[in-house]
All heavy atoms as atom14 arrays in JSON, in Angstrom:
{
  "sequence": "VSLVAKEIKSKQLTDFAVSTGNPMDAPYINRQ",
  "atom14_mask": [
    [1, 1, 1, 1, 1, 1, 1, 0, 0, 0, 0, 0, 0, 0],
    [1, 1, 1, 1, 1, 1, 0, 0, 0, 0, 0, 0, 0, 0],
    [1, 1, 1, 1, 1, 1, 1, 1, 0, 0, 0, 0, 0, 0],
    [1, 1, 1, 1, 1, 1, 1, 0, 0, 0, 0, 0, 0, 0],
    [1, 1, 1, 1, 1, 0, 0, 0, 0, 0, 0, 0, 0, 0],
    [1, 1, 1, 1, 1, 1, 1, 1, 1, 0, 0, 0, 0, 0],
    [1, 1, 1, 1, 1, 1, 1, 1, 1, 0, 0, 0, 0, 0],
    [1, 1, 1, 1, 1, 1, 1, 1, 0, 0, 0, 0, 0, 0],
    [1, 1, 1, 1, 1, 1, 1, 1, 1, 0, 0, 0, 0, 0],
    [1, 1, 1, 1, 1, 1, 0, 0, 0, 0, 0, 0, 0, 0],
    [1, 1, 1, 1, 1, 1, 1, 1, 1, 0, 0, 0, 0, 0],
    [1, 1, 1, 1, 1, 1, 1, 1, 1, 0, 0, 0, 0, 0],
    [1, 1, 1, 1, 1, 1, 1, 1, 0, 0, 0, 0, 0, 0],
    [1, 1, 1, 1, 1, 1, 1, 0, 0, 0, 0, 0, 0, 0],
    [1, 1, 1, 1, 1, 1, 1, 1, 0, 0, 0, 0, 0, 0],
    [1, 1, 1, 1, 1, 1, 1, 1, 1, 1, 1, 0, 0, 0],
    [1, 1, 1, 1, 1, 0, 0, 0, 0, 0, 0, 0, 0, 0],
    [1, 1, 1, 1, 1, 1, 1, 0, 0, 0, 0, 0, 0, 0],
    [1, 1, 1, 1, 1, 1, 0, 0, 0, 0, 0, 0, 0, 0],
    [1, 1, 1, 1, 1, 1, 1, 0, 0, 0, 0, 0, 0, 0],
    [1, 1, 1, 1, 0, 0, 0, 0, 0, 0, 0, 0, 0, 0],
    [1, 1, 1, 1, 1, 1, 1, 1, 0, 0, 0, 0, 0, 0],
    [1, 1, 1, 1, 1, 1, 1, 0, 0, 0, 0, 0, 0, 0],
    [1, 1, 1, 1, 1, 1, 1, 1, 0, 0, 0, 0, 0, 0],
    [1, 1, 1, 1, 1, 1, 1, 1, 0, 0, 0, 0, 0, 0],
    [1, 1, 1, 1, 1, 0, 0, 0, 0, 0, 0, 0, 0, 0],
    [1, 1, 1, 1, 1, 1, 1, 0, 0, 0, 0, 0, 0, 0],
    [1, 1, 1, 1, 1, 1, 1, 1, 1, 1, 1, 1, 0, 0],
    [1, 1, 1, 1, 1, 1, 1, 1, 0, 0, 0, 0, 0, 0],
    [1, 1, 1, 1, 1, 1, 1, 1, 0, 0, 0, 0, 0, 0],
    [1, 1, 1, 1, 1, 1, 1, 1, 1, 1, 1, 0, 0, 0],
    [1, 1, 1, 1, 1, 1, 1, 1, 1, 0, 0, 0, 0, 0]
  ],
  "atom14_positions": [
    [[75.86, 134.36, 67.32], [74.81, 133.75, 68.14], [75.43, 133.02, 69.33], [74.96, 133.13, 70.46], [73.97, 132.77, 67.3], [72.98, 132.01, 68.18], [73.23, 133.52, 66.21], [0.0, 0.0, 0.0], [0.0, 0.0, 0.0], [0.0, 0.0, 0.0], [0.0, 0.0, 0.0], [0.0, 0.0, 0.0], [0.0, 0.0, 0.0], [0.0, 0.0, 0.0]],
    [[76.51, 132.27, 69.07], [77.13, 131.51, 70.15], [77.75, 132.44, 71.19], [77.77, 132.13, 72.38], [78.21, 130.58, 69.59], [79.26, 131.33, 68.98], [0.0, 0.0, 0.0], [0.0, 0.0, 0.0], [0.0, 0.0, 0.0], [0.0, 0.0, 0.0], [0.0, 0.0, 0.0], [0.0, 0.0, 0.0], [0.0, 0.0, 0.0], [0.0, 0.0, 0.0]],
    [[78.27, 133.6, 70.74], [78.84, 134.56, 71.69], [77.77, 135.08, 72.64], [77.95, 135.13, 73.85], [79.5, 135.73, 70.95], [80.02, 136.87, 71.82], [81.12, 136.39, 72.72], [80.5, 138.03, 70.95], [0.0, 0.0, 0.0], [0.0, 0.0, 0.0], [0.0, 0.0, 0.0], [0.0, 0.0, 0.0], [0.0, 0.0, 0.0], [0.0, 0.0, 0.0]],
    [[76.62, 135.47, 72.08], [75.52, 135.97, 72.9], [75.02, 134.88, 73.85], [74.81, 135.1, 75.04], [74.38, 136.48, 72.0], [73.19, 136.91, 72.86], [74.85, 137.64, 71.13], [0.0, 0.0, 0.0], [0.0, 0.0, 0.0], [0.0, 0.0, 0.0], [0.0, 0.0, 0.0], [0.0, 0.0, 0.0], [0.0, 0.0, 0.0], [0.0, 0.0, 0.0]],
    [[74.82, 133.67, 73.28], [74.32, 132.56, 74.1], [75.3, 132.22, 75.22], [74.89, 131.93, 76.35], [74.08, 131.33, 73.21], [0.0, 0.0, 0.0], [0.0, 0.0, 0.0], [0.0, 0.0, 0.0], [0.0, 0.0, 0.0], [0.0, 0.0, 0.0], [0.0, 0.0, 0.0], [0.0, 0.0, 0.0], [0.0, 0.0, 0.0], [0.0, 0.0, 0.0]],
    [[76.6, 132.26, 74.93], [77.61, 131.94, 75.94], [77.58, 132.96, 77.07], [77.66, 132.59, 78.26], [78.99, 131.9, 75.29], [80.1, 131.45, 76.23], [81.46, 131.63, 75.6], [81.61, 130.86, 74.32], [82.97, 131.0, 73.74], [0.0, 0.0, 0.0], [0.0, 0.0, 0.0], [0.0, 0.0, 0.0], [0.0, 0.0, 0.0], [0.0, 0.0, 0.0]],
    [[77.48, 134.25, 76.73], [77.47, 135.28, 77.75], [76.21, 135.18, 78.62], [76.27, 135.32, 79.84], [77.56, 136.66, 77.1], [78.91, 136.93, 76.46], [78.96, 138.27, 75.78], [77.89, 138.92, 75.68], [80.05, 138.69, 75.35], [0.0, 0.0, 0.0], [0.0, 0.0, 0.0], [0.0, 0.0, 0.0], [0.0, 0.0, 0.0], [0.0, 0.0, 0.0]],
    [[75.09, 134.91, 77.97], [73.84, 134.79, 78.73], [73.9, 133.58, 79.65], [73.53, 133.65, 80.83], [72.64, 134.67, 77.76], [72.44, 135.99, 77.0], [71.37, 134.3, 78.52], [71.36, 135.94, 75.95], [0.0, 0.0, 0.0], [0.0, 0.0, 0.0], [0.0, 0.0, 0.0], [0.0, 0.0, 0.0], [0.0, 0.0, 0.0], [0.0, 0.0, 0.0]],
    [[74.39, 132.46, 79.12], [74.47, 131.25, 79.94], [75.43, 131.44, 81.11], [75.14, 131.01, 82.23], [74.93, 130.07, 79.08], [74.95, 128.75, 79.82], [75.35, 127.61, 78.91], [75.35, 126.28, 79.67], [75.74, 125.14, 78.79], [0.0, 0.0, 0.0], [0.0, 0.0, 0.0], [0.0, 0.0, 0.0], [0.0, 0.0, 0.0], [0.0, 0.0, 0.0]],
    [[76.57, 132.08, 80.87], [77.54, 132.31, 81.94], [76.94, 133.15, 83.06], [77.1, 132.86, 84.24], [78.79, 132.99, 81.38], [79.71, 133.27, 82.4], [0.0, 0.0, 0.0], [0.0, 0.0, 0.0], [0.0, 0.0, 0.0], [0.0, 0.0, 0.0], [0.0, 0.0, 0.0], [0.0, 0.0, 0.0], [0.0, 0.0, 0.0], [0.0, 0.0, 0.0]],
    [[76.2, 134.2, 82.66], [75.57, 135.06, 83.67], [74.48, 134.3, 84.43], [74.36, 134.43, 85.65], [74.97, 136.3, 82.99], [74.4, 137.32, 83.98], [73.91, 138.55, 83.25], [73.46, 139.62, 84.24], [72.44, 139.15, 85.19], [0.0, 0.0, 0.0], [0.0, 0.0, 0.0], [0.0, 0.0, 0.0], [0.0, 0.0, 0.0], [0.0, 0.0, 0.0]],
    [[73.69, 133.51, 83.73], [72.64, 132.75, 84.38], [73.22, 131.75, 85.39], [72.7, 131.6, 86.49], [71.79, 132.01, 83.34], [70.91, 132.93, 82.51], [70.18, 132.17, 81.4], [70.62, 131.1, 80.98], [69.09, 132.74, 80.94], [0.0, 0.0, 0.0], [0.0, 0.0, 0.0], [0.0, 0.0, 0.0], [0.0, 0.0, 0.0], [0.0, 0.0, 0.0]],
    [[74.31, 131.07, 85.0], [74.92, 130.1, 85.91], [75.49, 130.79, 87.14], [75.38, 130.27, 88.27], [76.03, 129.33, 85.17], [75.57, 128.31, 84.13], [76.76, 127.81, 83.31], [74.87, 127.14, 84.8], [0.0, 0.0, 0.0], [0.0, 0.0, 0.0], [0.0, 0.0, 0.0], [0.0, 0.0, 0.0], [0.0, 0.0, 0.0], [0.0, 0.0, 0.0]],
    [[76.12, 131.94, 86.95], [76.67, 132.67, 88.09], [75.56, 133.13, 89.03], [75.67, 132.99, 90.26], [77.49, 133.88, 87.59], [78.54, 133.43, 86.74], [78.08, 134.65, 88.76], [0.0, 0.0, 0.0], [0.0, 0.0, 0.0], [0.0, 0.0, 0.0], [0.0, 0.0, 0.0], [0.0, 0.0, 0.0], [0.0, 0.0, 0.0], [0.0, 0.0, 0.0]],
    [[74.49, 133.69, 88.46], [73.36, 134.14, 89.3], [72.74, 132.95, 90.04], [72.38, 133.08, 91.23], [72.3, 134.82, 88.42], [72.8, 136.13, 87.83], [73.8, 136.67, 88.35], [72.18, 136.61, 86.86], [0.0, 0.0, 0.0], [0.0, 0.0, 0.0], [0.0, 0.0, 0.0], [0.0, 0.0, 0.0], [0.0, 0.0, 0.0], [0.0, 0.0, 0.0]],
    [[72.63, 131.82, 89.37], [72.04, 130.64, 90.01], [72.93, 130.14, 91.14], [72.43, 129.75, 92.22], [71.84, 129.54, 88.96], [71.17, 128.3, 89.5], [69.81, 128.3, 89.75], [71.9, 127.15, 89.74], [69.18, 127.16, 90.25], [71.29, 126.01, 90.25], [69.92, 126.02, 90.5], [0.0, 0.0, 0.0], [0.0, 0.0, 0.0], [0.0, 0.0, 0.0]],
    [[74.26, 130.14, 90.92], [75.18, 129.69, 91.97], [75.1, 130.58, 93.19], [75.15, 130.12, 94.34], [76.61, 129.67, 91.42], [0.0, 0.0, 0.0], [0.0, 0.0, 0.0], [0.0, 0.0, 0.0], [0.0, 0.0, 0.0], [0.0, 0.0, 0.0], [0.0, 0.0, 0.0], [0.0, 0.0, 0.0], [0.0, 0.0, 0.0], [0.0, 0.0, 0.0]],
    [[74.96, 131.89, 92.98], [74.86, 132.83, 94.1], [73.53, 132.65, 94.85], [73.49, 132.61, 96.09], [75.01, 134.28, 93.6], [74.72, 135.27, 94.72], [76.41, 134.51, 93.05], [0.0, 0.0, 0.0], [0.0, 0.0, 0.0], [0.0, 0.0, 0.0], [0.0, 0.0, 0.0], [0.0, 0.0, 0.0], [0.0, 0.0, 0.0], [0.0, 0.0, 0.0]],
    [[72.44, 132.52, 94.1], [71.12, 132.44, 94.73], [70.91, 131.14, 95.49], [70.08, 131.08, 96.42], [70.02, 132.6, 93.67], [70.06, 131.52, 92.75], [0.0, 0.0, 0.0], [0.0, 0.0, 0.0], [0.0, 0.0, 0.0], [0.0, 0.0, 0.0], [0.0, 0.0, 0.0], [0.0, 0.0, 0.0], [0.0, 0.0, 0.0], [0.0, 0.0, 0.0]],
    [[71.62, 130.07, 95.11], [71.46, 128.78, 95.79], [72.56, 128.51, 96.81], [72.64, 127.42, 97.36], [71.42, 127.64, 94.77], [72.64, 127.67, 93.98], [70.22, 127.75, 93.85], [0.0, 0.0, 0.0], [0.0, 0.0, 0.0], [0.0, 0.0, 0.0], [0.0, 0.0, 0.0], [0.0, 0.0, 0.0], [0.0, 0.0, 0.0], [0.0, 0.0, 0.0]],
    [[73.43, 129.48, 97.03], [74.52, 129.28, 97.99], [74.09, 129.57, 99.41], [74.75, 130.35, 100.12], [0.0, 0.0, 0.0], [0.0, 0.0, 0.0], [0.0, 0.0, 0.0], [0.0, 0.0, 0.0], [0.0, 0.0, 0.0], [0.0, 0.0, 0.0], [0.0, 0.0, 0.0], [0.0, 0.0, 0.0], [0.0, 0.0, 0.0], [0.0, 0.0, 0.0]],
    [[72.99, 129.0, 99.85], [72.5, 129.2, 101.21], [72.18, 127.84, 101.81], [71.97, 126.85, 101.09], [71.27, 130.11, 101.23], [70.13, 129.55, 100.39], [69.43, 128.63, 100.82], [69.95, 130.11, 99.19], [0.0, 0.0, 0.0], [0.0, 0.0, 0.0], [0.0, 0.0, 0.0], [0.0, 0.0, 0.0], [0.0, 0.0, 0.0], [0.0, 0.0, 0.0]],
    [[72.15, 127.72, 103.14], [71.94, 126.42, 103.79], [70.64, 125.73, 103.4], [70.55, 124.51, 103.41], [71.94, 126.76, 105.29], [72.71, 128.04, 105.39], [72.4, 128.79, 104.13], [0.0, 0.0, 0.0], [0.0, 0.0, 0.0], [0.0, 0.0, 0.0], [0.0, 0.0, 0.0], [0.0, 0.0, 0.0], [0.0, 0.0, 0.0], [0.0, 0.0, 0.0]],
    [[69.62, 126.49, 102.99], [68.34, 125.88, 102.67], [68.36, 125.2, 101.3], [67.83, 124.1, 101.11], [67.23, 126.95, 102.71], [65.83, 126.39, 102.46], [64.58, 127.67, 102.56], [64.73, 128.14, 104.28], [0.0, 0.0, 0.0], [0.0, 0.0, 0.0], [0.0, 0.0, 0.0], [0.0, 0.0, 0.0], [0.0, 0.0, 0.0], [0.0, 0.0, 0.0]],
    [[69.0, 125.86, 100.29], [68.99, 125.34, 98.92], [70.19, 124.46, 98.6], [70.12, 123.61, 97.71], [68.96, 126.51, 97.92], [67.68, 127.32, 98.02], [66.64, 126.72, 98.35], [67.73, 128.54, 97.78], [0.0, 0.0, 0.0], [0.0, 0.0, 0.0], [0.0, 0.0, 0.0], [0.0, 0.0, 0.0], [0.0, 0.0, 0.0], [0.0, 0.0, 0.0]],
    [[71.3, 124.68, 99.29], [72.54, 123.97, 98.95], [72.42, 122.46, 98.94], [72.98, 121.8, 98.05], [73.66, 124.41, 99.9], [0.0, 0.0, 0.0], [0.0, 0.0, 0.0], [0.0, 0.0, 0.0], [0.0, 0.0, 0.0], [0.0, 0.0, 0.0], [0.0, 0.0, 0.0], [0.0, 0.0, 0.0], [0.0, 0.0, 0.0], [0.0, 0.0, 0.0]],
    [[71.67, 121.82, 99.89], [71.59, 120.35, 99.87], [70.94, 119.79, 98.61], [71.12, 118.61, 98.3], [70.76, 120.03, 101.12], [70.93, 121.21, 102.02], [71.03, 122.38, 101.11], [0.0, 0.0, 0.0], [0.0, 0.0, 0.0], [0.0, 0.0, 0.0], [0.0, 0.0, 0.0], [0.0, 0.0, 0.0], [0.0, 0.0, 0.0], [0.0, 0.0, 0.0]],
    [[70.17, 120.6, 97.88], [69.46, 120.11, 96.71], [70.19, 120.43, 95.4], [69.66, 120.19, 94.31], [68.06, 120.73, 96.66], [67.24, 120.44, 97.89], [67.16, 121.37, 98.92], [66.57, 119.23, 98.02], [66.42, 121.11, 100.06], [65.83, 118.96, 99.17], [65.76, 119.89, 100.18], [65.04, 119.63, 101.31], [0.0, 0.0, 0.0], [0.0, 0.0, 0.0]],
    [[71.4, 120.99, 95.46], [72.15, 121.4, 94.27], [73.38, 120.52, 94.1], [74.13, 120.31, 95.06], [72.58, 122.89, 94.37], [71.37, 123.78, 94.55], [73.37, 123.29, 93.12], [70.36, 123.71, 93.42], [0.0, 0.0, 0.0], [0.0, 0.0, 0.0], [0.0, 0.0, 0.0], [0.0, 0.0, 0.0], [0.0, 0.0, 0.0], [0.0, 0.0, 0.0]],
    [[73.56, 120.0, 92.89], [74.77, 119.25, 92.57], [75.86, 120.27, 92.24], [75.97, 120.75, 91.11], [74.53, 118.32, 91.39], [75.71, 117.38, 91.11], [76.85, 117.73, 91.4], [75.43, 116.22, 90.57], [0.0, 0.0, 0.0], [0.0, 0.0, 0.0], [0.0, 0.0, 0.0], [0.0, 0.0, 0.0], [0.0, 0.0, 0.0], [0.0, 0.0, 0.0]],
    [[76.64, 120.61, 93.25], [77.61, 121.7, 93.09], [78.71, 121.34, 92.09], [79.22, 122.2, 91.38], [78.24, 122.0, 94.45], [78.6, 123.48, 94.64], [77.36, 124.32, 94.72], [77.68, 125.74, 94.78], [76.77, 126.7, 94.84], [75.48, 126.41, 94.81], [77.12, 127.97, 94.9], [0.0, 0.0, 0.0], [0.0, 0.0, 0.0], [0.0, 0.0, 0.0]],
    [[79.05, 120.05, 92.02], [80.13, 119.65, 91.1], [79.71, 119.89, 89.65], [80.45, 120.45, 88.84], [80.47, 118.17, 91.33], [81.7, 117.68, 90.58], [81.37, 117.18, 89.18], [80.24, 116.78, 88.92], [82.34, 117.24, 88.29], [0.0, 0.0, 0.0], [0.0, 0.0, 0.0], [0.0, 0.0, 0.0], [0.0, 0.0, 0.0], [0.0, 0.0, 0.0]]
  ]
}
């Protein structure tokens, strides 16, 4: 279960980082 959850979470975080890496969304994201 943890393996599946870890892979899903990793993919979701990567997709979120890519989708918010633009001048409009970046000011509202805590990048750290």
